[in-house]
Amino acid sequence: VQLQASGGGLVQAGGSLRLSCAASGFSIDEYSVTWFRRAPGKEREGVSCIASSTGLTYYIDSVKGRFTISRDIAKNTVYLQMNAVKPEDTADYYCAVDLTNQKYWMSCELKLARAWTWGKGTLVTVSS
Protein backbone atom coordinates (compact mmCIF):
# COMPACT_ATOMS: atom_id res chain seq x y z
CA VAL A 1 0.00 0.00 0.00
CA GLN A 2 1.34 3.40 -0.97
CA LEU A 3 0.04 6.94 -0.91
CA GLN A 4 1.94 9.69 -2.62
CA ALA A 5 0.95 13.29 -2.02
CA SER A 6 2.08 15.99 -4.43
CA GLY A 7 1.23 19.49 -5.54
CA GLY A 8 2.51 21.48 -2.60
CA GLY A 9 4.52 24.65 -2.96
CA LEU A 10 4.70 28.33 -2.15
CA VAL A 11 1.52 30.35 -2.66
CA GLN A 12 0.44 33.82 -1.65
CA ALA A 13 -2.41 34.32 0.76
CA GLY A 14 -5.69 34.31 -1.11
CA GLY A 15 -4.31 32.05 -3.82
CA SER A 16 -5.11 28.47 -4.77
CA LEU A 17 -3.34 25.14 -4.87
CA ARG A 18 -4.44 21.62 -5.74
CA LEU A 19 -2.93 18.66 -3.94
CA SER A 20 -3.05 15.13 -5.32
CA CYS A 21 -2.87 11.83 -3.50
CA ALA A 22 -2.07 8.90 -5.77
CA ALA A 23 -2.98 5.60 -4.12
CA SER A 24 -1.73 2.12 -4.93
CA GLY A 25 -2.26 -1.27 -3.34
CA PHE A 26 -5.89 -0.54 -2.56
CA SER A 27 -8.87 1.10 -4.26
CA ILE A 28 -10.21 4.46 -3.14
CA ASP A 29 -13.75 3.29 -3.86
CA GLU A 30 -13.25 0.53 -1.27
CA TYR A 31 -11.57 2.53 1.51
CA SER A 32 -12.16 6.09 2.63
CA VAL A 33 -9.21 8.49 2.38
CA THR A 34 -8.36 11.39 4.66
CA TRP A 35 -6.15 14.43 4.22
CA PHE A 36 -4.16 15.48 7.29
CA ARG A 37 -1.80 18.33 7.91
CA ARG A 38 0.85 19.19 10.44
CA ALA A 39 1.72 22.83 10.91
CA PRO A 40 5.05 23.84 12.47
CA GLY A 41 4.94 23.26 16.20
CA LYS A 42 1.47 21.73 16.11
CA GLU A 43 -0.02 18.27 16.17
CA ARG A 44 -1.21 16.57 13.04
CA GLU A 45 -4.89 17.19 12.36
CA GLY A 46 -7.45 15.72 10.00
CA VAL A 47 -8.50 18.30 7.41
CA SER A 48 -10.91 16.54 5.08
CA CYS A 49 -12.02 13.07 4.09
CA ILE A 50 -14.09 11.35 1.44
CA ALA A 51 -16.21 8.27 2.03
CA SER A 52 -15.43 5.26 -0.13
CA SER A 53 -18.91 4.05 -1.03
CA THR A 54 -20.90 7.29 -1.04
CA GLY A 55 -18.37 10.00 -1.87
CA LEU A 56 -19.64 12.00 1.11
CA THR A 57 -17.15 14.60 2.24
CA TYR A 58 -16.25 16.13 5.59
CA TYR A 59 -14.14 19.12 6.57
CA ILE A 60 -12.81 20.74 9.68
CA ASP A 61 -14.41 24.08 10.38
CA SER A 62 -11.32 26.12 9.57
CA VAL A 63 -11.31 25.03 5.90
CA LYS A 64 -15.03 24.76 5.18
CA GLY A 65 -15.99 26.82 2.16
CA ARG A 66 -12.35 27.10 1.05
CA PHE A 67 -11.12 23.53 0.52
CA THR A 68 -12.77 20.86 -1.61
CA ILE A 69 -11.90 17.16 -1.57
CA SER A 70 -12.66 15.07 -4.63
CA ARG A 71 -11.54 11.86 -6.28
CA ASP A 72 -10.98 10.22 -9.63
CA ILE A 73 -11.69 6.53 -9.14
CA ALA A 74 -10.27 5.60 -12.55
CA LYS A 75 -6.96 7.20 -11.58
CA ASN A 76 -7.21 6.00 -7.98
CA THR A 77 -6.37 9.53 -6.91
CA VAL A 78 -7.83 11.86 -4.30
CA TYR A 79 -7.49 15.63 -4.62
CA LEU A 80 -7.62 18.56 -2.24
CA GLN A 81 -8.43 21.85 -3.90
CA MET A 82 -7.30 24.67 -1.64
CA ASN A 83 -8.75 28.12 -2.37
CA ALA A 84 -8.46 31.41 -0.52
CA VAL A 85 -5.50 30.00 1.39
CA LYS A 86 -4.31 31.68 4.56
CA PRO A 87 -0.89 31.75 6.26
CA GLU A 88 -2.30 29.42 8.93
CA ASP A 89 -2.79 26.78 6.21
CA THR A 90 1.00 26.44 6.03
CA ALA A 91 1.79 22.81 6.85
CA ASP A 92 2.93 19.45 5.60
CA TYR A 93 -0.09 17.78 4.03
CA TYR A 94 -0.50 14.01 4.08
CA CYS A 95 -3.08 11.59 2.82
CA ALA A 96 -3.87 8.45 4.74
CA VAL A 97 -6.05 5.37 4.73
CA ASP A 98 -7.21 3.08 7.54
CA LEU A 99 -7.26 -0.41 6.06
CA THR A 100 -8.63 -1.88 9.31
CA ASN A 101 -11.84 -0.02 8.62
CA GLN A 102 -14.71 -1.60 6.78
CA LYS A 103 -14.75 -1.63 3.01
CA TYR A 104 -17.35 0.43 1.22
CA TRP A 105 -17.91 2.61 4.28
CA MET A 106 -20.62 5.23 3.97
CA SER A 107 -18.61 7.71 6.01
CA CYS A 108 -15.02 8.63 6.76
CA GLU A 109 -12.84 9.72 9.66
CA LEU A 110 -10.86 12.82 10.61
CA LYS A 111 -9.62 11.60 13.97
CA LEU A 112 -5.93 10.97 14.41
CA ALA A 113 -6.39 7.93 16.65
CA ARG A 114 -6.92 5.34 13.94
CA ALA A 115 -4.72 2.72 12.29
CA TRP A 116 -3.61 5.02 9.51
CA THR A 117 -1.26 4.09 6.72
CA TRP A 118 0.54 7.30 5.87
CA GLY A 119 1.94 8.60 2.64
CA LYS A 120 4.81 11.02 2.29
CA GLY A 121 3.73 14.58 2.77
CA THR A 122 3.81 17.59 0.54
CA LEU A 123 4.71 20.99 1.94
CA VAL A 124 2.37 23.93 1.49
CA THR A 125 3.71 27.36 2.42
CA VAL A 126 1.37 30.35 2.34
CA SER A 127 3.02 33.76 2.36
CA SER A 128 1.23 36.81 3.71
C-alpha atoms as a PDB file:
ATOM      1  CA  VAL A   1       0.000   0.000   0.000  1.00  0.00           C
ATOM      2  CA  GLN A   2       1.341   3.396  -0.967  1.00  0.00           C
ATOM      3  CA  LEU A   3       0.038   6.938  -0.907  1.00  0.00           C
ATOM      4  CA  GLN A   4       1.937   9.694  -2.624  1.00  0.00           C
ATOM      5  CA  ALA A   5       0.949  13.295  -2.018  1.00  0.00           C
ATOM      6  CA  SER A   6       2.080  15.994  -4.431  1.00  0.00           C
ATOM      7  CA  GLY A   7       1.231  19.492  -5.537  1.00  0.00           C
ATOM      8  CA  GLY A   8       2.514  21.477  -2.603  1.00  0.00           C
ATOM      9  CA  GLY A   9       4.516  24.655  -2.963  1.00  0.00           C
ATOM     10  CA  LEU A  10       4.697  28.332  -2.154  1.00  0.00           C
ATOM     11  CA  VAL A  11       1.519  30.351  -2.665  1.00  0.00           C
ATOM     12  CA  GLN A  12       0.436  33.821  -1.655  1.00  0.00           C
ATOM     13  CA  ALA A  13      -2.410  34.324   0.764  1.00  0.00           C
ATOM     14  CA  GLY A  14      -5.687  34.309  -1.114  1.00  0.00           C
ATOM     15  CA  GLY A  15      -4.315  32.053  -3.818  1.00  0.00           C
ATOM     16  CA  SER A  16      -5.105  28.466  -4.766  1.00  0.00           C
ATOM     17  CA  LEU A  17      -3.339  25.145  -4.870  1.00  0.00           C
ATOM     18  CA  ARG A  18      -4.443  21.615  -5.743  1.00  0.00           C
ATOM     19  CA  LEU A  19      -2.933  18.660  -3.939  1.00  0.00           C
ATOM     20  CA  SER A  20      -3.051  15.129  -5.322  1.00  0.00           C
ATOM     21  CA  CYS A  21      -2.869  11.831  -3.503  1.00  0.00           C
ATOM     22  CA  ALA A  22      -2.067   8.897  -5.769  1.00  0.00           C
ATOM     23  CA  ALA A  23      -2.975   5.600  -4.120  1.00  0.00           C
ATOM     24  CA  SER A  24      -1.727   2.120  -4.934  1.00  0.00           C
ATOM     25  CA  GLY A  25      -2.257  -1.271  -3.337  1.00  0.00           C
ATOM     26  CA  PHE A  26      -5.891  -0.540  -2.563  1.00  0.00           C
ATOM     27  CA  SER A  27      -8.873   1.102  -4.263  1.00  0.00           C
ATOM     28  CA  ILE A  28     -10.212   4.458  -3.141  1.00  0.00           C
ATOM     29  CA  ASP A  29     -13.752   3.289  -3.864  1.00  0.00           C
ATOM     30  CA  GLU A  30     -13.247   0.528  -1.272  1.00  0.00           C
ATOM     31  CA  TYR A  31     -11.573   2.527   1.507  1.00  0.00           C
ATOM     32  CA  SER A  32     -12.157   6.093   2.635  1.00  0.00           C
ATOM     33  CA  VAL A  33      -9.214   8.485   2.375  1.00  0.00           C
ATOM     34  CA  THR A  34      -8.357  11.386   4.656  1.00  0.00           C
ATOM     35  CA  TRP A  35      -6.147  14.432   4.218  1.00  0.00           C
ATOM     36  CA  PHE A  36      -4.165  15.482   7.291  1.00  0.00           C
ATOM     37  CA  ARG A  37      -1.801  18.334   7.906  1.00  0.00           C
ATOM     38  CA  ARG A  38       0.847  19.192  10.445  1.00  0.00           C
ATOM     39  CA  ALA A  39       1.723  22.833  10.913  1.00  0.00           C
ATOM     40  CA  PRO A  40       5.051  23.841  12.467  1.00  0.00           C
ATOM     41  CA  GLY A  41       4.944  23.261  16.204  1.00  0.00           C
ATOM     42  CA  LYS A  42       1.470  21.734  16.112  1.00  0.00           C
ATOM     43  CA  GLU A  43      -0.023  18.273  16.169  1.00  0.00           C
ATOM     44  CA  ARG A  44      -1.209  16.570  13.040  1.00  0.00           C
ATOM     45  CA  GLU A  45      -4.890  17.187  12.361  1.00  0.00           C
ATOM     46  CA  GLY A  46      -7.454  15.720   9.999  1.00  0.00           C
ATOM     47  CA  VAL A  47      -8.504  18.298   7.407  1.00  0.00           C
ATOM     48  CA  SER A  48     -10.909  16.538   5.084  1.00  0.00           C
ATOM     49  CA  CYS A  49     -12.023  13.066   4.094  1.00  0.00           C
ATOM     50  CA  ILE A  50     -14.091  11.350   1.436  1.00  0.00           C
ATOM     51  CA  ALA A  51     -16.206   8.268   2.032  1.00  0.00           C
ATOM     52  CA  SER A  52     -15.427   5.262  -0.127  1.00  0.00           C
ATOM     53  CA  SER A  53     -18.909   4.047  -1.025  1.00  0.00           C
ATOM     54  CA  THR A  54     -20.901   7.291  -1.041  1.00  0.00           C
ATOM     55  CA  GLY A  55     -18.370   9.999  -1.868  1.00  0.00           C
ATOM     56  CA  LEU A  56     -19.641  12.002   1.107  1.00  0.00           C
ATOM     57  CA  THR A  57     -17.151  14.600   2.238  1.00  0.00           C
ATOM     58  CA  TYR A  58     -16.254  16.126   5.593  1.00  0.00           C
ATOM     59  CA  TYR A  59     -14.137  19.117   6.567  1.00  0.00           C
ATOM     60  CA  ILE A  60     -12.810  20.742   9.679  1.00  0.00           C
ATOM     61  CA  ASP A  61     -14.414  24.082  10.382  1.00  0.00           C
ATOM     62  CA  SER A  62     -11.315  26.116   9.569  1.00  0.00           C
ATOM     63  CA  VAL A  63     -11.314  25.026   5.902  1.00  0.00           C
ATOM     64  CA  LYS A  64     -15.034  24.758   5.178  1.00  0.00           C
ATOM     65  CA  GLY A  65     -15.990  26.819   2.162  1.00  0.00           C
ATOM     66  CA  ARG A  66     -12.353  27.095   1.047  1.00  0.00           C
ATOM     67  CA  PHE A  67     -11.122  23.528   0.522  1.00  0.00           C
ATOM     68  CA  THR A  68     -12.767  20.856  -1.614  1.00  0.00           C
ATOM     69  CA  ILE A  69     -11.900  17.160  -1.566  1.00  0.00           C
ATOM     70  CA  SER A  70     -12.662  15.068  -4.628  1.00  0.00           C
ATOM     71  CA  ARG A  71     -11.537  11.860  -6.277  1.00  0.00           C
ATOM     72  CA  ASP A  72     -10.978  10.219  -9.633  1.00  0.00           C
ATOM     73  CA  ILE A  73     -11.691   6.531  -9.142  1.00  0.00           C
ATOM     74  CA  ALA A  74     -10.272   5.601 -12.546  1.00  0.00           C
ATOM     75  CA  LYS A  75      -6.957   7.196 -11.575  1.00  0.00           C
ATOM     76  CA  ASN A  76      -7.214   5.996  -7.981  1.00  0.00           C
ATOM     77  CA  THR A  77      -6.366   9.529  -6.907  1.00  0.00           C
ATOM     78  CA  VAL A  78      -7.830  11.865  -4.296  1.00  0.00           C
ATOM     79  CA  TYR A  79      -7.490  15.633  -4.620  1.00  0.00           C
ATOM     80  CA  LEU A  80      -7.621  18.556  -2.237  1.00  0.00           C
ATOM     81  CA  GLN A  81      -8.425  21.854  -3.901  1.00  0.00           C
ATOM     82  CA  MET A  82      -7.303  24.675  -1.636  1.00  0.00           C
ATOM     83  CA  ASN A  83      -8.746  28.118  -2.372  1.00  0.00           C
ATOM     84  CA  ALA A  84      -8.456  31.407  -0.522  1.00  0.00           C
ATOM     85  CA  VAL A  85      -5.498  30.000   1.388  1.00  0.00           C
ATOM     86  CA  LYS A  86      -4.310  31.680   4.563  1.00  0.00           C
ATOM     87  CA  PRO A  87      -0.895  31.751   6.265  1.00  0.00           C
ATOM     88  CA  GLU A  88      -2.304  29.421   8.928  1.00  0.00           C
ATOM     89  CA  ASP A  89      -2.791  26.781   6.208  1.00  0.00           C
ATOM     90  CA  THR A  90       0.998  26.440   6.027  1.00  0.00           C
ATOM     91  CA  ALA A  91       1.791  22.807   6.848  1.00  0.00           C
ATOM     92  CA  ASP A  92       2.925  19.447   5.599  1.00  0.00           C
ATOM     93  CA  TYR A  93      -0.094  17.781   4.026  1.00  0.00           C
ATOM     94  CA  TYR A  94      -0.496  14.008   4.081  1.00  0.00           C
ATOM     95  CA  CYS A  95      -3.075  11.592   2.819  1.00  0.00           C
ATOM     96  CA  ALA A  96      -3.872   8.450   4.744  1.00  0.00           C
ATOM     97  CA  VAL A  97      -6.054   5.368   4.732  1.00  0.00           C
ATOM     98  CA  ASP A  98      -7.211   3.082   7.536  1.00  0.00           C
ATOM     99  CA  LEU A  99      -7.261  -0.408   6.058  1.00  0.00           C
ATOM    100  CA  THR A 100      -8.631  -1.876   9.307  1.00  0.00           C
ATOM    101  CA  ASN A 101     -11.835  -0.017   8.620  1.00  0.00           C
ATOM    102  CA  GLN A 102     -14.714  -1.598   6.775  1.00  0.00           C
ATOM    103  CA  LYS A 103     -14.753  -1.631   3.009  1.00  0.00           C
ATOM    104  CA  TYR A 104     -17.349   0.435   1.222  1.00  0.00           C
ATOM    105  CA  TRP A 105     -17.909   2.606   4.278  1.00  0.00           C
ATOM    106  CA  MET A 106     -20.625   5.226   3.971  1.00  0.00           C
ATOM    107  CA  SER A 107     -18.612   7.707   6.010  1.00  0.00           C
ATOM    108  CA  CYS A 108     -15.024   8.634   6.761  1.00  0.00           C
ATOM    109  CA  GLU A 109     -12.837   9.718   9.664  1.00  0.00           C
ATOM    110  CA  LEU A 110     -10.862  12.818  10.608  1.00  0.00           C
ATOM    111  CA  LYS A 111      -9.617  11.595  13.973  1.00  0.00           C
ATOM    112  CA  LEU A 112      -5.927  10.971  14.410  1.00  0.00           C
ATOM    113  CA  ALA A 113      -6.388   7.930  16.650  1.00  0.00           C
ATOM    114  CA  ARG A 114      -6.919   5.336  13.941  1.00  0.00           C
ATOM    115  CA  ALA A 115      -4.724   2.717  12.288  1.00  0.00           C
ATOM    116  CA  TRP A 116      -3.606   5.019   9.513  1.00  0.00           C
ATOM    117  CA  THR A 117      -1.258   4.086   6.724  1.00  0.00           C
ATOM    118  CA  TRP A 118       0.540   7.302   5.873  1.00  0.00           C
ATOM    119  CA  GLY A 119       1.940   8.598   2.645  1.00  0.00           C
ATOM    120  CA  LYS A 120       4.809  11.022   2.288  1.00  0.00           C
ATOM    121  CA  GLY A 121       3.730  14.578   2.772  1.00  0.00           C
ATOM    122  CA  THR A 122       3.810  17.594   0.539  1.00  0.00           C
ATOM    123  CA  LEU A 123       4.709  20.992   1.945  1.00  0.00           C
ATOM    124  CA  VAL A 124       2.370  23.934   1.488  1.00  0.00           C
ATOM    125  CA  THR A 125       3.713  27.362   2.416  1.00  0.00           C
ATOM    126  CA  VAL A 126       1.373  30.349   2.341  1.00  0.00           C
ATOM    127  CA  SER A 127       3.016  33.760   2.360  1.00  0.00           C
ATOM    128  CA  SER A 128       1.229  36.807   3.715  1.00  0.00           C
END
